[in-house]
Amino acid sequence: PTDALLEEGHRLRIDVYAGSVPRYLATLPDLARTRLGRQ
């Protein structure tokens, strides 16, 4: 949850990633199961 002001002329953006190292890591088996492939 957050609280923010979007000023006039600003835009809201949703960024989608396949992970974000090092904030979000995966166990080695989970990483292997991704096959480092396309999402």
PDB file of all heavy atoms in Angstrom:
ATOM      1  N   PRO A   1       0.826  -1.216   0.000  1.00  0.00           N
ATOM      2  CA  PRO A   1       0.000   0.000   0.000  1.00  0.00           C
ATOM      3  C   PRO A   1       0.856   1.259   0.000  1.00  0.00           C
ATOM      4  O   PRO A   1       1.968   1.282   0.547  1.00  0.00           O
ATOM      5  CB  PRO A   1      -0.800  -0.119   1.305  1.00  0.00           C
ATOM      6  CG  PRO A   1      -0.795  -1.574   1.626  1.00  0.00           C
ATOM      7  CD  PRO A   1       0.528  -2.088   1.142  1.00  0.00           C
ATOM      8  N   THR A   2       0.327   2.298  -0.609  1.00  0.00           N
ATOM      9  CA  THR A   2       1.085   3.538  -0.658  1.00  0.00           C
ATOM     10  C   THR A   2       0.139   4.723  -0.737  1.00  0.00           C
ATOM     11  O   THR A   2      -1.080   4.577  -0.833  1.00  0.00           O
ATOM     12  CB  THR A   2       2.059   3.542  -1.855  1.00  0.00           C
ATOM     13  OG1 THR A   2       3.014   4.593  -1.692  1.00  0.00           O
ATOM     14  CG2 THR A   2       1.319   3.722  -3.168  1.00  0.00           C
ATOM     15  N   ASP A   3       0.720   5.913  -0.701  1.00  0.00           N
ATOM     16  CA  ASP A   3      -0.034   7.157  -0.811  1.00  0.00           C
ATOM     17  C   ASP A   3       0.803   8.107  -1.652  1.00  0.00           C
ATOM     18  O   ASP A   3       1.951   8.404  -1.304  1.00  0.00           O
ATOM     19  CB  ASP A   3      -0.294   7.758   0.579  1.00  0.00           C
ATOM     20  CG  ASP A   3      -1.308   8.884   0.529  1.00  0.00           C
ATOM     21  OD1 ASP A   3      -2.515   8.596   0.521  1.00  0.00           O
ATOM     22  OD2 ASP A   3      -0.879  10.053   0.494  1.00  0.00           O
ATOM     23  N   ALA A   4       0.248   8.566  -2.777  1.00  0.00           N
ATOM     24  CA  ALA A   4       1.041   9.368  -3.702  1.00  0.00           C
ATOM     25  C   ALA A   4       0.159  10.383  -4.412  1.00  0.00           C
ATOM     26  O   ALA A   4      -1.045  10.166  -4.604  1.00  0.00           O
ATOM     27  CB  ALA A   4       1.742   8.476  -4.725  1.00  0.00           C
ATOM     28  N   LEU A   5       0.777  11.459  -4.830  1.00  0.00           N
ATOM     29  CA  LEU A   5       0.111  12.497  -5.613  1.00  0.00           C
ATOM     30  C   LEU A   5       0.637  12.439  -7.043  1.00  0.00           C
ATOM     31  O   LEU A   5       1.842  12.554  -7.268  1.00  0.00           O
ATOM     32  CB  LEU A   5       0.380  13.877  -5.014  1.00  0.00           C
ATOM     33  CG  LEU A   5      -0.083  15.077  -5.846  1.00  0.00           C
ATOM     34  CD1 LEU A   5      -1.603  15.109  -5.955  1.00  0.00           C
ATOM     35  CD2 LEU A   5       0.444  16.385  -5.246  1.00  0.00           C
ATOM     36  N   LEU A   6      -0.259  12.240  -7.992  1.00  0.00           N
ATOM     37  CA  LEU A   6       0.086  12.366  -9.402  1.00  0.00           C
ATOM     38  C   LEU A   6      -0.310  13.766  -9.840  1.00  0.00           C
ATOM     39  O   LEU A   6      -1.501  14.096  -9.922  1.00  0.00           O
ATOM     40  CB  LEU A   6      -0.649  11.319 -10.242  1.00  0.00           C
ATOM     41  CG  LEU A   6      -0.379   9.838  -9.959  1.00  0.00           C
ATOM     42  CD1 LEU A   6      -1.176   8.962 -10.919  1.00  0.00           C
ATOM     43  CD2 LEU A   6       1.097   9.530 -10.061  1.00  0.00           C
ATOM     44  N   GLU A   7       0.685  14.581 -10.094  1.00  0.00           N
ATOM     45  CA  GLU A   7       0.402  15.956 -10.494  1.00  0.00           C
ATOM     46  C   GLU A   7      -0.199  15.996 -11.894  1.00  0.00           C
ATOM     47  O   GLU A   7      -0.120  15.032 -12.662  1.00  0.00           O
ATOM     48  CB  GLU A   7       1.699  16.778 -10.472  1.00  0.00           C
ATOM     49  CG  GLU A   7       2.236  17.063  -9.084  1.00  0.00           C
ATOM     50  CD  GLU A   7       1.510  18.207  -8.394  1.00  0.00           C
ATOM     51  OE1 GLU A   7       0.444  18.633  -8.902  1.00  0.00           O
ATOM     52  OE2 GLU A   7       2.008  18.671  -7.358  1.00  0.00           O
ATOM     53  N   GLU A   8      -0.785  17.115 -12.236  1.00  0.00           N
ATOM     54  CA  GLU A   8      -1.347  17.302 -13.568  1.00  0.00           C
ATOM     55  C   GLU A   8      -0.267  17.051 -14.625  1.00  0.00           C
ATOM     56  O   GLU A   8       0.858  17.550 -14.519  1.00  0.00           O
ATOM     57  CB  GLU A   8      -1.897  18.716 -13.698  1.00  0.00           C
ATOM     58  CG  GLU A   8      -2.529  19.019 -15.043  1.00  0.00           C
ATOM     59  CD  GLU A   8      -3.100  20.423 -15.094  1.00  0.00           C
ATOM     60  OE1 GLU A   8      -3.462  20.960 -14.018  1.00  0.00           O
ATOM     61  OE2 GLU A   8      -3.175  20.988 -16.200  1.00  0.00           O
ATOM     62  N   GLY A   9      -0.592  16.233 -15.610  1.00  0.00           N
ATOM     63  CA  GLY A   9       0.366  15.920 -16.665  1.00  0.00           C
ATOM     64  C   GLY A   9       1.213  14.701 -16.390  1.00  0.00           C
ATOM     65  O   GLY A   9       1.945  14.243 -17.274  1.00  0.00           O
ATOM     66  N   HIS A  10       1.135  14.137 -15.184  1.00  0.00           N
ATOM     67  CA  HIS A  10       1.879  12.921 -14.854  1.00  0.00           C
ATOM     68  C   HIS A  10       1.081  11.691 -15.281  1.00  0.00           C
ATOM     69  O   HIS A  10      -0.127  11.754 -15.500  1.00  0.00           O
ATOM     70  CB  HIS A  10       2.173  12.867 -13.360  1.00  0.00           C
ATOM     71  CG  HIS A  10       3.261  13.803 -12.936  1.00  0.00           C
ATOM     72  ND1 HIS A  10       4.331  13.414 -12.163  1.00  0.00           N
ATOM     73  CD2 HIS A  10       3.450  15.129 -13.194  1.00  0.00           C
ATOM     74  CE1 HIS A  10       5.129  14.448 -11.948  1.00  0.00           C
ATOM     75  NE2 HIS A  10       4.603  15.498 -12.555  1.00  0.00           N
ATOM     76  N   ARG A  11       1.786  10.568 -15.373  1.00  0.00           N
ATOM     77  CA  ARG A  11       1.172   9.319 -15.800  1.00  0.00           C
ATOM     78  C   ARG A  11       1.408   8.232 -14.754  1.00  0.00           C
ATOM     79  O   ARG A  11       2.401   8.271 -14.031  1.00  0.00           O
ATOM     80  CB  ARG A  11       1.764   8.851 -17.134  1.00  0.00           C
ATOM     81  CG  ARG A  11       1.598   9.837 -18.285  1.00  0.00           C
ATOM     82  CD  ARG A  11       2.458   9.427 -19.463  1.00  0.00           C
ATOM     83  NE  ARG A  11       2.439  10.399 -20.545  1.00  0.00           N
ATOM     84  CZ  ARG A  11       1.736  10.281 -21.671  1.00  0.00           C
ATOM     85  NH1 ARG A  11       1.006   9.177 -21.853  1.00  0.00           N
ATOM     86  NH2 ARG A  11       1.769  11.206 -22.601  1.00  0.00           N
ATOM     87  N   LEU A  12       0.510   7.263 -14.721  1.00  0.00           N
ATOM     88  CA  LEU A  12       0.677   6.083 -13.887  1.00  0.00           C
ATOM     89  C   LEU A  12       1.232   4.965 -14.764  1.00  0.00           C
ATOM     90  O   LEU A  12       0.741   4.741 -15.874  1.00  0.00           O
ATOM     91  CB  LEU A  12      -0.662   5.666 -13.288  1.00  0.00           C
ATOM     92  CG  LEU A  12      -0.626   4.481 -12.315  1.00  0.00           C
ATOM     93  CD1 LEU A  12       0.075   4.875 -11.018  1.00  0.00           C
ATOM     94  CD2 LEU A  12      -2.039   3.989 -12.022  1.00  0.00           C
ATOM     95  N   ARG A  13       2.260   4.277 -14.268  1.00  0.00           N
ATOM     96  CA  ARG A  13       2.877   3.197 -15.039  1.00  0.00           C
ATOM     97  C   ARG A  13       2.972   1.938 -14.191  1.00  0.00           C
ATOM     98  O   ARG A  13       3.313   1.997 -13.004  1.00  0.00           O
ATOM     99  CB  ARG A  13       4.265   3.601 -15.534  1.00  0.00           C
ATOM    100  CG  ARG A  13       5.043   2.463 -16.217  1.00  0.00           C
ATOM    101  CD  ARG A  13       6.374   2.943 -16.770  1.00  0.00           C
ATOM    102  NE  ARG A  13       6.166   3.864 -17.880  1.00  0.00           N
ATOM    103  CZ  ARG A  13       7.125   4.646 -18.386  1.00  0.00           C
ATOM    104  NH1 ARG A  13       8.346   4.615 -17.874  1.00  0.00           N
ATOM    105  NH2 ARG A  13       6.862   5.451 -19.395  1.00  0.00           N
ATOM    106  N   ILE A  14       2.694   0.789 -14.809  1.00  0.00           N
ATOM    107  CA  ILE A  14       2.923  -0.511 -14.202  1.00  0.00           C
ATOM    108  C   ILE A  14       4.075  -1.168 -14.956  1.00  0.00           C
ATOM    109  O   ILE A  14       3.983  -1.392 -16.164  1.00  0.00           O
ATOM    110  CB  ILE A  14       1.667  -1.407 -14.283  1.00  0.00           C
ATOM    111  CG1 ILE A  14       0.446  -0.690 -13.681  1.00  0.00           C
ATOM    112  CG2 ILE A  14       1.921  -2.726 -13.560  1.00  0.00           C
ATOM    113  CD1 ILE A  14       0.600  -0.287 -12.242  1.00  0.00           C
ATOM    114  N   ASP A  15       5.162  -1.434 -14.251  1.00  0.00           N
ATOM    115  CA  ASP A  15       6.301  -2.151 -14.825  1.00  0.00           C
ATOM    116  C   ASP A  15       6.224  -3.614 -14.405  1.00  0.00           C
ATOM    117  O   ASP A  15       6.047  -3.912 -13.217  1.00  0.00           O
ATOM    118  CB  ASP A  15       7.629  -1.565 -14.338  1.00  0.00           C
ATOM    119  CG  ASP A  15       7.971  -0.252 -15.020  1.00  0.00           C
ATOM    120  OD1 ASP A  15       7.440   0.001 -16.120  1.00  0.00           O
ATOM    121  OD2 ASP A  15       8.771   0.518 -14.451  1.00  0.00           O
ATOM    122  N   VAL A  16       6.380  -4.514 -15.353  1.00  0.00           N
ATOM    123  CA  VAL A  16       6.337  -5.953 -15.088  1.00  0.00           C
ATOM    124  C   VAL A  16       7.690  -6.545 -15.462  1.00  0.00           C
ATOM    125  O   VAL A  16       8.183  -6.334 -16.578  1.00  0.00           O
ATOM    126  CB  VAL A  16       5.217  -6.637 -15.884  1.00  0.00           C
ATOM    127  CG1 VAL A  16       5.156  -8.125 -15.541  1.00  0.00           C
ATOM    128  CG2 VAL A  16       3.874  -5.967 -15.609  1.00  0.00           C
ATOM    129  N   TYR A  17       8.287  -7.303 -14.519  1.00  0.00           N
ATOM    130  CA  TYR A  17       9.611  -7.891 -14.723  1.00  0.00           C
ATOM    131  C   TYR A  17       9.580  -9.392 -14.465  1.00  0.00           C
ATOM    132  O   TYR A  17       8.731  -9.895 -13.722  1.00  0.00           O
ATOM    133  CB  TYR A  17      10.629  -7.272 -13.755  1.00  0.00           C
ATOM    134  CG  TYR A  17      10.817  -5.787 -13.861  1.00  0.00           C
ATOM    135  CD1 TYR A  17      10.142  -4.910 -13.007  1.00  0.00           C
ATOM    136  CD2 TYR A  17      11.683  -5.246 -14.804  1.00  0.00           C
ATOM    137  CE1 TYR A  17      10.323  -3.543 -13.090  1.00  0.00           C
ATOM    138  CE2 TYR A  17      11.875  -3.870 -14.893  1.00  0.00           C
ATOM    139  CZ  TYR A  17      11.188  -3.022 -14.040  1.00  0.00           C
ATOM    140  OH  TYR A  17      11.372  -1.664 -14.121  1.00  0.00           O
ATOM    141  N   ALA A  18      10.556 -10.073 -15.034  1.00  0.00           N
ATOM    142  CA  ALA A  18      10.798 -11.477 -14.695  1.00  0.00           C
ATOM    143  C   ALA A  18      11.843 -11.501 -13.585  1.00  0.00           C
ATOM    144  O   ALA A  18      12.997 -11.850 -13.796  1.00  0.00           O
ATOM    145  CB  ALA A  18      11.274 -12.247 -15.923  1.00  0.00           C
ATOM    146  N   GLY A  19      11.446 -11.086 -12.391  1.00  0.00           N
ATOM    147  CA  GLY A  19      12.363 -11.053 -11.250  1.00  0.00           C
ATOM    148  C   GLY A  19      13.034  -9.708 -11.101  1.00  0.00           C
ATOM    149  O   GLY A  19      12.989  -8.851 -11.989  1.00  0.00           O
ATOM    150  N   SER A  20      13.675  -9.525  -9.951  1.00  0.00           N
ATOM    151  CA  SER A  20      14.425  -8.306  -9.667  1.00  0.00           C
ATOM    152  C   SER A  20      15.484  -8.640  -8.632  1.00  0.00           C
ATOM    153  O   SER A  20      15.246  -8.577  -7.431  1.00  0.00           O
ATOM    154  CB  SER A  20      13.499  -7.197  -9.152  1.00  0.00           C
ATOM    155  OG  SER A  20      14.224  -6.007  -8.912  1.00  0.00           O
ATOM    156  N   VAL A  21      16.662  -9.002  -9.107  1.00  0.00           N
ATOM    157  CA  VAL A  21      17.786  -9.359  -8.233  1.00  0.00           C
ATOM    158  C   VAL A  21      18.431  -8.068  -7.730  1.00  0.00           C
ATOM    159  O   VAL A  21      18.646  -7.137  -8.505  1.00  0.00           O
ATOM    160  CB  VAL A  21      18.818 -10.196  -9.034  1.00  0.00           C
ATOM    161  CG1 VAL A  21      20.059 -10.486  -8.204  1.00  0.00           C
ATOM    162  CG2 VAL A  21      18.177 -11.484  -9.518  1.00  0.00           C
ATOM    163  N   PRO A  22      18.752  -7.950  -6.420  1.00  0.00           N
ATOM    164  CA  PRO A  22      18.702  -8.968  -5.366  1.00  0.00           C
ATOM    165  C   PRO A  22      17.513  -8.828  -4.416  1.00  0.00           C
ATOM    166  O   PRO A  22      17.470  -9.518  -3.415  1.00  0.00           O
ATOM    167  CB  PRO A  22      19.995  -8.698  -4.612  1.00  0.00           C
ATOM    168  CG  PRO A  22      20.101  -7.201  -4.635  1.00  0.00           C
ATOM    169  CD  PRO A  22      19.550  -6.777  -5.979  1.00  0.00           C
ATOM    170  N   ARG A  23      16.581  -7.924  -4.740  1.00  0.00           N
ATOM    171  CA  ARG A  23      15.451  -7.771  -3.828  1.00  0.00           C
ATOM    172  C   ARG A  23      14.627  -9.051  -3.782  1.00  0.00           C
ATOM    173  O   ARG A  23      14.170  -9.470  -2.724  1.00  0.00           O
ATOM    174  CB  ARG A  23      14.575  -6.601  -4.255  1.00  0.00           C
ATOM    175  CG  ARG A  23      13.390  -6.401  -3.316  1.00  0.00           C
ATOM    176  CD  ARG A  23      12.561  -5.194  -3.660  1.00  0.00           C
ATOM    177  NE  ARG A  23      11.420  -5.072  -2.774  1.00  0.00           N
ATOM    178  CZ  ARG A  23      10.483  -4.135  -2.882  1.00  0.00           C
ATOM    179  NH1 ARG A  23      10.568  -3.235  -3.845  1.00  0.00           N
ATOM    180  NH2 ARG A  23       9.480  -4.095  -2.040  1.00  0.00           N
ATOM    181  N   TYR A  24      14.409  -9.641  -4.948  1.00  0.00           N
ATOM    182  CA  TYR A  24      13.661 -10.895  -5.006  1.00  0.00           C
ATOM    183  C   TYR A  24      14.554 -11.961  -5.623  1.00  0.00           C
ATOM    184  O   TYR A  24      14.917 -11.880  -6.802  1.00  0.00           O
ATOM    185  CB  TYR A  24      12.395 -10.729  -5.850  1.00  0.00           C
ATOM    186  CG  TYR A  24      11.481  -9.632  -5.364  1.00  0.00           C
ATOM    187  CD1 TYR A  24      11.276  -8.490  -6.123  1.00  0.00           C
ATOM    188  CD2 TYR A  24      10.823  -9.734  -4.147  1.00  0.00           C
ATOM    189  CE1 TYR A  24      10.434  -7.483  -5.689  1.00  0.00           C
ATOM    190  CE2 TYR A  24       9.983  -8.727  -3.700  1.00  0.00           C
ATOM    191  CZ  TYR A  24       9.795  -7.605  -4.474  1.00  0.00           C
ATOM    192  OH  TYR A  24       8.960  -6.602  -4.038  1.00  0.00           O
ATOM    193  N   LEU A  25      14.899 -12.973  -4.827  1.00  0.00           N
ATOM    194  CA  LEU A  25      15.724 -14.075  -5.289  1.00  0.00           C
ATOM    195  C   LEU A  25      14.852 -15.323  -5.429  1.00  0.00           C
ATOM    196  O   LEU A  25      13.703 -15.348  -4.994  1.00  0.00           O
ATOM    197  CB  LEU A  25      16.858 -14.345  -4.300  1.00  0.00           C
ATOM    198  CG  LEU A  25      17.769 -13.158  -3.974  1.00  0.00           C
ATOM    199  CD1 LEU A  25      18.774 -13.549  -2.906  1.00  0.00           C
ATOM    200  CD2 LEU A  25      18.484 -12.664  -5.223  1.00  0.00           C
ATOM    201  N   ALA A  26      15.406 -16.357  -6.013  1.00  0.00           N
ATOM    202  CA  ALA A  26      14.709 -17.640  -6.106  1.00  0.00           C
ATOM    203  C   ALA A  26      15.638 -18.721  -5.587  1.00  0.00           C
ATOM    204  O   ALA A  26      16.868 -18.590  -5.669  1.00  0.00           O
ATOM    205  CB  ALA A  26      14.319 -17.925  -7.553  1.00  0.00           C
ATOM    206  N   THR A  27      15.058 -19.775  -5.024  1.00  0.00           N
ATOM    207  CA  THR A  27      15.892 -20.917  -4.656  1.00  0.00           C
ATOM    208  C   THR A  27      16.471 -21.499  -5.949  1.00  0.00           C
ATOM    209  O   THR A  27      15.921 -21.305  -7.045  1.00  0.00           O
ATOM    210  CB  THR A  27      15.084 -21.986  -3.921  1.00  0.00           C
ATOM    211  OG1 THR A  27      14.113 -22.543  -4.817  1.00  0.00           O
ATOM    212  CG2 THR A  27      14.377 -21.389  -2.701  1.00  0.00           C
ATOM    213  N   LEU A  28      17.575 -22.231  -5.824  1.00  0.00           N
ATOM    214  CA  LEU A  28      18.203 -22.789  -7.021  1.00  0.00           C
ATOM    215  C   LEU A  28      17.270 -23.724  -7.789  1.00  0.00           C
ATOM    216  O   LEU A  28      17.204 -23.654  -9.024  1.00  0.00           O
ATOM    217  CB  LEU A  28      19.505 -23.492  -6.635  1.00  0.00           C
ATOM    218  CG  LEU A  28      20.610 -22.579  -6.077  1.00  0.00           C
ATOM    219  CD1 LEU A  28      21.874 -23.383  -5.815  1.00  0.00           C
ATOM    220  CD2 LEU A  28      20.894 -21.423  -7.026  1.00  0.00           C
ATOM    221  N   PRO A  29      16.513 -24.614  -7.107  1.00  0.00           N
ATOM    222  CA  PRO A  29      15.564 -25.452  -7.864  1.00  0.00           C
ATOM    223  C   PRO A  29      14.489 -24.637  -8.578  1.00  0.00           C
ATOM    224  O   PRO A  29      14.130 -24.945  -9.720  1.00  0.00           O
ATOM    225  CB  PRO A  29      14.967 -26.365  -6.791  1.00  0.00           C
ATOM    226  CG  PRO A  29      16.007 -26.422  -5.721  1.00  0.00           C
ATOM    227  CD  PRO A  29      16.598 -25.050  -5.698  1.00  0.00           C
ATOM    228  N   ASP A  30      13.963 -23.604  -7.920  1.00  0.00           N
ATOM    229  CA  ASP A  30      12.945 -22.773  -8.564  1.00  0.00           C
ATOM    230  C   ASP A  30      13.530 -22.051  -9.775  1.00  0.00           C
ATOM    231  O   ASP A  30      12.883 -21.929 -10.819  1.00  0.00           O
ATOM    232  CB  ASP A  30      12.376 -21.761  -7.575  1.00  0.00           C
ATOM    233  CG  ASP A  30      11.359 -22.372  -6.625  1.00  0.00           C
ATOM    234  OD1 ASP A  30      10.820 -23.443  -6.956  1.00  0.00           O
ATOM    235  OD2 ASP A  30      11.125 -21.788  -5.548  1.00  0.00           O
ATOM    236  N   LEU A  31      14.752 -21.538  -9.622  1.00  0.00           N
ATOM    237  CA  LEU A  31      15.399 -20.853 -10.740  1.00  0.00           C
ATOM    238  C   LEU A  31      15.601 -21.812 -11.907  1.00  0.00           C
ATOM    239  O   LEU A  31      15.375 -21.445 -13.074  1.00  0.00           O
ATOM    240  CB  LEU A  31      16.740 -20.278 -10.284  1.00  0.00           C
ATOM    241  CG  LEU A  31      17.477 -19.404 -11.302  1.00  0.00           C
ATOM    242  CD1 LEU A  31      16.649 -18.175 -11.656  1.00  0.00           C
ATOM    243  CD2 LEU A  31      18.848 -18.979 -10.755  1.00  0.00           C
ATOM    244  N   ALA A  32      16.014 -23.046 -11.601  1.00  0.00           N
ATOM    245  CA  ALA A  32      16.194 -24.040 -12.662  1.00  0.00           C
ATOM    246  C   ALA A  32      14.870 -24.337 -13.361  1.00  0.00           C
ATOM    247  O   ALA A  32      14.830 -24.536 -14.590  1.00  0.00           O
ATOM    248  CB  ALA A  32      16.788 -25.317 -12.081  1.00  0.00           C
ATOM    249  N   ARG A  33      13.773 -24.348 -12.584  1.00  0.00           N
ATOM    250  CA  ARG A  33      12.468 -24.654 -13.186  1.00  0.00           C
ATOM    251  C   ARG A  33      11.995 -23.554 -14.138  1.00  0.00           C
ATOM    252  O   ARG A  33      11.160 -23.804 -15.009  1.00  0.00           O
ATOM    253  CB  ARG A  33      11.427 -24.894 -12.089  1.00  0.00           C
ATOM    254  CG  ARG A  33      11.495 -26.303 -11.490  1.00  0.00           C
ATOM    255  CD  ARG A  33      10.297 -26.594 -10.600  1.00  0.00           C
ATOM    256  NE  ARG A  33      10.418 -25.960  -9.304  1.00  0.00           N
ATOM    257  CZ  ARG A  33      10.988 -26.526  -8.245  1.00  0.00           C
ATOM    258  NH1 ARG A  33      11.501 -27.750  -8.344  1.00  0.00           N
ATOM    259  NH2 ARG A  33      11.059 -25.894  -7.090  1.00  0.00           N
ATOM    260  N   THR A  34      12.503 -22.350 -13.973  1.00  0.00           N
ATOM    261  CA  THR A  34      12.139 -21.287 -14.927  1.00  0.00           C
ATOM    262  C   THR A  34      12.790 -21.500 -16.284  1.00  0.00           C
ATOM    263  O   THR A  34      12.367 -20.909 -17.286  1.00  0.00           O
ATOM    264  CB  THR A  34      12.554 -19.904 -14.405  1.00  0.00           C
ATOM    265  OG1 THR A  34      13.985 -19.788 -14.412  1.00  0.00           O
ATOM    266  CG2 THR A  34      12.012 -19.636 -13.012  1.00  0.00           C
ATOM    267  N   ARG A  35      13.868 -22.303 -16.321  1.00  0.00           N
ATOM    268  CA  ARG A  35      14.678 -22.545 -17.527  1.00  0.00           C
ATOM    269  C   ARG A  35      15.276 -21.257 -18.070  1.00  0.00           C
ATOM    270  O   ARG A  35      15.753 -21.209 -19.214  1.00  0.00           O
ATOM    271  CB  ARG A  35      13.841 -23.211 -18.628  1.00  0.00           C
ATOM    272  CG  ARG A  35      13.221 -24.551 -18.244  1.00  0.00           C
ATOM    273  CD  ARG A  35      12.410 -25.122 -19.404  1.00  0.00           C
ATOM    274  NE  ARG A  35      11.713 -26.357 -19.013  1.00  0.00           N
ATOM    275  CZ  ARG A  35      10.849 -26.995 -19.802  1.00  0.00           C
ATOM    276  NH1 ARG A  35      10.570 -26.516 -21.016  1.00  0.00           N
ATOM    277  NH2 ARG A  35      10.256 -28.110 -19.389  1.00  0.00           N
ATOM    278  N   LEU A  36      15.212 -20.186 -17.251  1.00  0.00           N
ATOM    279  CA  LEU A  36      15.670 -18.856 -17.679  1.00  0.00           C
ATOM    280  C   LEU A  36      15.018 -18.484 -19.007  1.00  0.00           C
ATOM    281  O   LEU A  36      15.594 -17.780 -19.835  1.00  0.00           O
ATOM    282  CB  LEU A  36      17.190 -18.805 -17.790  1.00  0.00           C
ATOM    283  CG  LEU A  36      17.969 -19.111 -16.512  1.00  0.00           C
ATOM    284  CD1 LEU A  36      19.465 -19.017 -16.762  1.00  0.00           C
ATOM    285  CD2 LEU A  36      17.560 -18.177 -15.383  1.00  0.00           C
ATOM    286  N   GLY A  37      13.811 -18.975 -19.183  1.00  0.00           N
ATOM    287  CA  GLY A  37      13.126 -18.802 -20.464  1.00  0.00           C
ATOM    288  C   GLY A  37      12.245 -17.573 -20.514  1.00  0.00           C
ATOM    289  O   GLY A  37      12.152 -16.777 -19.574  1.00  0.00           O
ATOM    290  N   ARG A  38      11.549 -17.441 -21.614  1.00  0.00           N
ATOM    291  CA  ARG A  38      10.698 -16.284 -21.860  1.00  0.00           C
ATOM    292  C   ARG A  38       9.459 -16.335 -20.974  1.00  0.00           C
ATOM    293  O   ARG A  38       8.896 -17.402 -20.731  1.00  0.00           O
ATOM    294  CB  ARG A  38      10.274 -16.282 -23.327  1.00  0.00           C
ATOM    295  CG  ARG A  38       9.745 -14.943 -23.802  1.00  0.00           C
ATOM    296  CD  ARG A  38       9.471 -14.982 -25.287  1.00  0.00           C
ATOM    297  NE  ARG A  38       8.200 -15.648 -25.581  1.00  0.00           N
ATOM    298  CZ  ARG A  38       7.681 -15.742 -26.792  1.00  0.00           C
ATOM    299  NH1 ARG A  38       8.328 -15.247 -27.825  1.00  0.00           N
ATOM    300  NH2 ARG A  38       6.512 -16.352 -26.977  1.00  0.00           N
ATOM    301  N   GLN A  39       9.053 -15.174 -20.514  1.00  0.00           N
ATOM    302  CA  GLN A  39       7.805 -15.012 -19.770  1.00  0.00           C
ATOM    303  C   GLN A  39       6.943 -13.990 -20.493  1.00  0.00           C
ATOM    304  O   GLN A  39       7.412 -12.902 -20.842  1.00  0.00           O
ATOM    305  CB  GLN A  39       8.078 -14.575 -18.324  1.00  0.00           C
ATOM    306  CG  GLN A  39       8.848 -15.607 -17.513  1.00  0.00           C
ATOM    307  CD  GLN A  39       9.080 -15.206 -16.064  1.00  0.00           C
ATOM    308  OE1 GLN A  39       9.903 -15.815 -15.388  1.00  0.00           O
ATOM    309  NE2 GLN A  39       8.365 -14.203 -15.562  1.00  0.00           N
TER     310      GLN A  39
END
